[in-house]
Amino acid sequence: MPRVPLPQQTVRISQESWDRLGENADAAGTDRSTVIRQLVDWYNRERGAILPERPPRES
């Protein structure tokens, strides 16, 4: 089944948080968009939605 492009949304977030999200998503083996979609699905209580995995906490 062909992948249907999703509309682009705008979210206001500090550059520092955006950069950390990218670094942490990379460390978890994923990307920002996937993490955000997973969070939104979980928050909206979509059936089968789970919180995305987080990378280990830095010491």
N, C-alpha and C. Protein backbone atom coordinates (compact mmCIF):
# COMPACT_ATOMS: atom_id res chain seq x y z
N MET A 1 0.84 -1.17 0.00
CA MET A 1 0.00 0.00 0.00
C MET A 1 0.89 1.24 0.00
N PRO A 2 0.65 2.19 -0.90
CA PRO A 2 1.51 3.38 -0.95
C PRO A 2 1.35 4.24 0.29
N ARG A 3 2.43 4.85 0.68
CA ARG A 3 2.42 5.71 1.86
C ARG A 3 1.81 7.06 1.49
N VAL A 4 0.78 7.46 2.21
CA VAL A 4 0.10 8.73 1.95
C VAL A 4 0.82 9.82 2.75
N PRO A 5 1.26 10.90 2.10
CA PRO A 5 1.93 11.95 2.86
C PRO A 5 1.00 12.62 3.85
N LEU A 6 1.52 12.91 5.01
CA LEU A 6 0.74 13.57 6.06
C LEU A 6 0.93 15.08 5.94
N PRO A 7 -0.08 15.85 6.32
CA PRO A 7 0.10 17.31 6.29
C PRO A 7 1.15 17.73 7.32
N GLN A 8 1.86 18.77 6.99
CA GLN A 8 2.87 19.29 7.91
C GLN A 8 2.20 20.17 8.94
N GLN A 9 2.60 20.02 10.21
CA GLN A 9 2.07 20.82 11.32
C GLN A 9 3.20 21.67 11.89
N THR A 10 2.86 22.75 12.52
CA THR A 10 3.85 23.62 13.15
C THR A 10 3.71 23.54 14.66
N VAL A 11 4.85 23.36 15.33
CA VAL A 11 4.87 23.31 16.79
C VAL A 11 5.96 24.28 17.25
N ARG A 12 5.64 25.07 18.24
CA ARG A 12 6.64 26.00 18.78
C ARG A 12 7.35 25.33 19.94
N ILE A 13 8.67 25.25 19.81
CA ILE A 13 9.50 24.60 20.83
C ILE A 13 10.88 25.25 20.77
N SER A 14 11.53 25.36 21.91
CA SER A 14 12.84 26.01 21.91
C SER A 14 13.83 25.21 21.07
N GLN A 15 14.81 25.91 20.53
CA GLN A 15 15.82 25.23 19.70
C GLN A 15 16.58 24.21 20.53
N GLU A 16 16.84 24.54 21.79
CA GLU A 16 17.57 23.61 22.67
C GLU A 16 16.78 22.31 22.85
N SER A 17 15.48 22.41 23.10
CA SER A 17 14.65 21.22 23.27
C SER A 17 14.56 20.42 21.96
N TRP A 18 14.43 21.14 20.84
CA TRP A 18 14.35 20.48 19.54
C TRP A 18 15.63 19.70 19.25
N ASP A 19 16.78 20.32 19.54
CA ASP A 19 18.06 19.66 19.32
C ASP A 19 18.21 18.43 20.21
N ARG A 20 17.83 18.57 21.49
CA ARG A 20 17.91 17.42 22.41
C ARG A 20 16.98 16.30 21.98
N LEU A 21 15.78 16.66 21.49
CA LEU A 21 14.86 15.64 21.00
C LEU A 21 15.49 14.87 19.85
N GLY A 22 16.14 15.58 18.94
CA GLY A 22 16.82 14.91 17.83
C GLY A 22 17.92 13.98 18.30
N GLU A 23 18.73 14.45 19.23
CA GLU A 23 19.82 13.62 19.77
C GLU A 23 19.27 12.39 20.47
N ASN A 24 18.23 12.58 21.29
CA ASN A 24 17.66 11.45 22.03
C ASN A 24 16.93 10.49 21.11
N ALA A 25 16.27 11.01 20.09
CA ALA A 25 15.61 10.13 19.12
C ALA A 25 16.65 9.29 18.39
N ASP A 26 17.75 9.92 17.98
CA ASP A 26 18.83 9.18 17.32
C ASP A 26 19.36 8.07 18.23
N ALA A 27 19.57 8.42 19.51
CA ALA A 27 20.09 7.44 20.47
C ALA A 27 19.12 6.27 20.66
N ALA A 28 17.82 6.53 20.48
CA ALA A 28 16.81 5.48 20.63
C ALA A 28 16.57 4.75 19.31
N GLY A 29 17.27 5.16 18.24
CA GLY A 29 17.13 4.48 16.96
C GLY A 29 15.90 4.89 16.17
N THR A 30 15.46 6.14 16.35
CA THR A 30 14.27 6.61 15.65
C THR A 30 14.48 8.06 15.23
N ASP A 31 13.41 8.78 14.94
CA ASP A 31 13.51 10.19 14.56
C ASP A 31 12.45 11.00 15.28
N ARG A 32 12.59 12.32 15.22
CA ARG A 32 11.68 13.21 15.93
C ARG A 32 10.23 12.99 15.53
N SER A 33 9.98 12.91 14.23
CA SER A 33 8.60 12.78 13.75
C SER A 33 7.92 11.54 14.31
N THR A 34 8.63 10.44 14.32
CA THR A 34 8.06 9.20 14.84
C THR A 34 7.74 9.33 16.32
N VAL A 35 8.67 9.91 17.08
CA VAL A 35 8.45 10.10 18.52
C VAL A 35 7.23 10.99 18.76
N ILE A 36 7.12 12.08 18.03
CA ILE A 36 5.99 12.99 18.22
C ILE A 36 4.68 12.31 17.87
N ARG A 37 4.64 11.57 16.76
CA ARG A 37 3.40 10.86 16.40
C ARG A 37 3.03 9.83 17.45
N GLN A 38 4.01 9.11 17.99
CA GLN A 38 3.73 8.13 19.04
C GLN A 38 3.18 8.80 20.29
N LEU A 39 3.76 9.94 20.66
CA LEU A 39 3.26 10.67 21.84
C LEU A 39 1.83 11.14 21.63
N VAL A 40 1.54 11.68 20.45
CA VAL A 40 0.20 12.17 20.16
C VAL A 40 -0.80 11.02 20.19
N ASP A 41 -0.46 9.89 19.57
CA ASP A 41 -1.37 8.74 19.59
C ASP A 41 -1.62 8.25 21.01
N TRP A 42 -0.56 8.19 21.81
CA TRP A 42 -0.70 7.75 23.21
C TRP A 42 -1.58 8.75 23.98
N TYR A 43 -1.31 10.04 23.82
CA TYR A 43 -2.06 11.08 24.53
C TYR A 43 -3.53 11.04 24.15
N ASN A 44 -3.82 10.77 22.89
CA ASN A 44 -5.20 10.69 22.41
C ASN A 44 -5.86 9.34 22.69
N ARG A 45 -5.14 8.46 23.37
CA ARG A 45 -5.65 7.15 23.74
C ARG A 45 -6.07 6.30 22.54
N GLU A 46 -5.26 6.39 21.47
CA GLU A 46 -5.52 5.55 20.31
C GLU A 46 -5.29 4.09 20.68
N ARG A 47 -6.12 3.22 20.16
CA ARG A 47 -6.01 1.80 20.46
C ARG A 47 -4.62 1.29 20.06
N GLY A 48 -3.95 0.61 20.98
CA GLY A 48 -2.64 0.01 20.73
C GLY A 48 -1.47 0.98 20.84
N ALA A 49 -1.74 2.26 21.09
CA ALA A 49 -0.66 3.24 21.18
C ALA A 49 0.14 3.04 22.46
N ILE A 50 1.44 3.16 22.34
CA ILE A 50 2.33 3.05 23.49
C ILE A 50 3.30 4.23 23.48
N LEU A 51 3.80 4.57 24.65
CA LEU A 51 4.79 5.63 24.73
C LEU A 51 6.07 5.19 24.02
N PRO A 52 6.73 6.09 23.33
CA PRO A 52 7.98 5.72 22.67
C PRO A 52 9.06 5.41 23.70
N GLU A 53 9.99 4.56 23.30
CA GLU A 53 11.13 4.24 24.17
C GLU A 53 12.03 5.46 24.30
N ARG A 54 12.53 5.68 25.48
CA ARG A 54 13.49 6.77 25.69
C ARG A 54 14.88 6.18 25.80
N PRO A 55 15.89 6.96 25.41
CA PRO A 55 17.26 6.47 25.58
C PRO A 55 17.61 6.47 27.06
N PRO A 56 18.65 5.75 27.44
CA PRO A 56 19.05 5.74 28.84
C PRO A 56 19.40 7.15 29.32
N ARG A 57 19.17 7.40 30.59
CA ARG A 57 19.50 8.68 31.20
C ARG A 57 21.02 8.81 31.28
N GLU A 58 21.51 10.01 30.94
CA GLU A 58 22.95 10.25 31.07
C GLU A 58 23.32 10.41 32.52
N SER A 59 24.50 9.93 32.89
CA SER A 59 24.94 10.03 34.28
C SER A 59 25.43 11.41 34.60
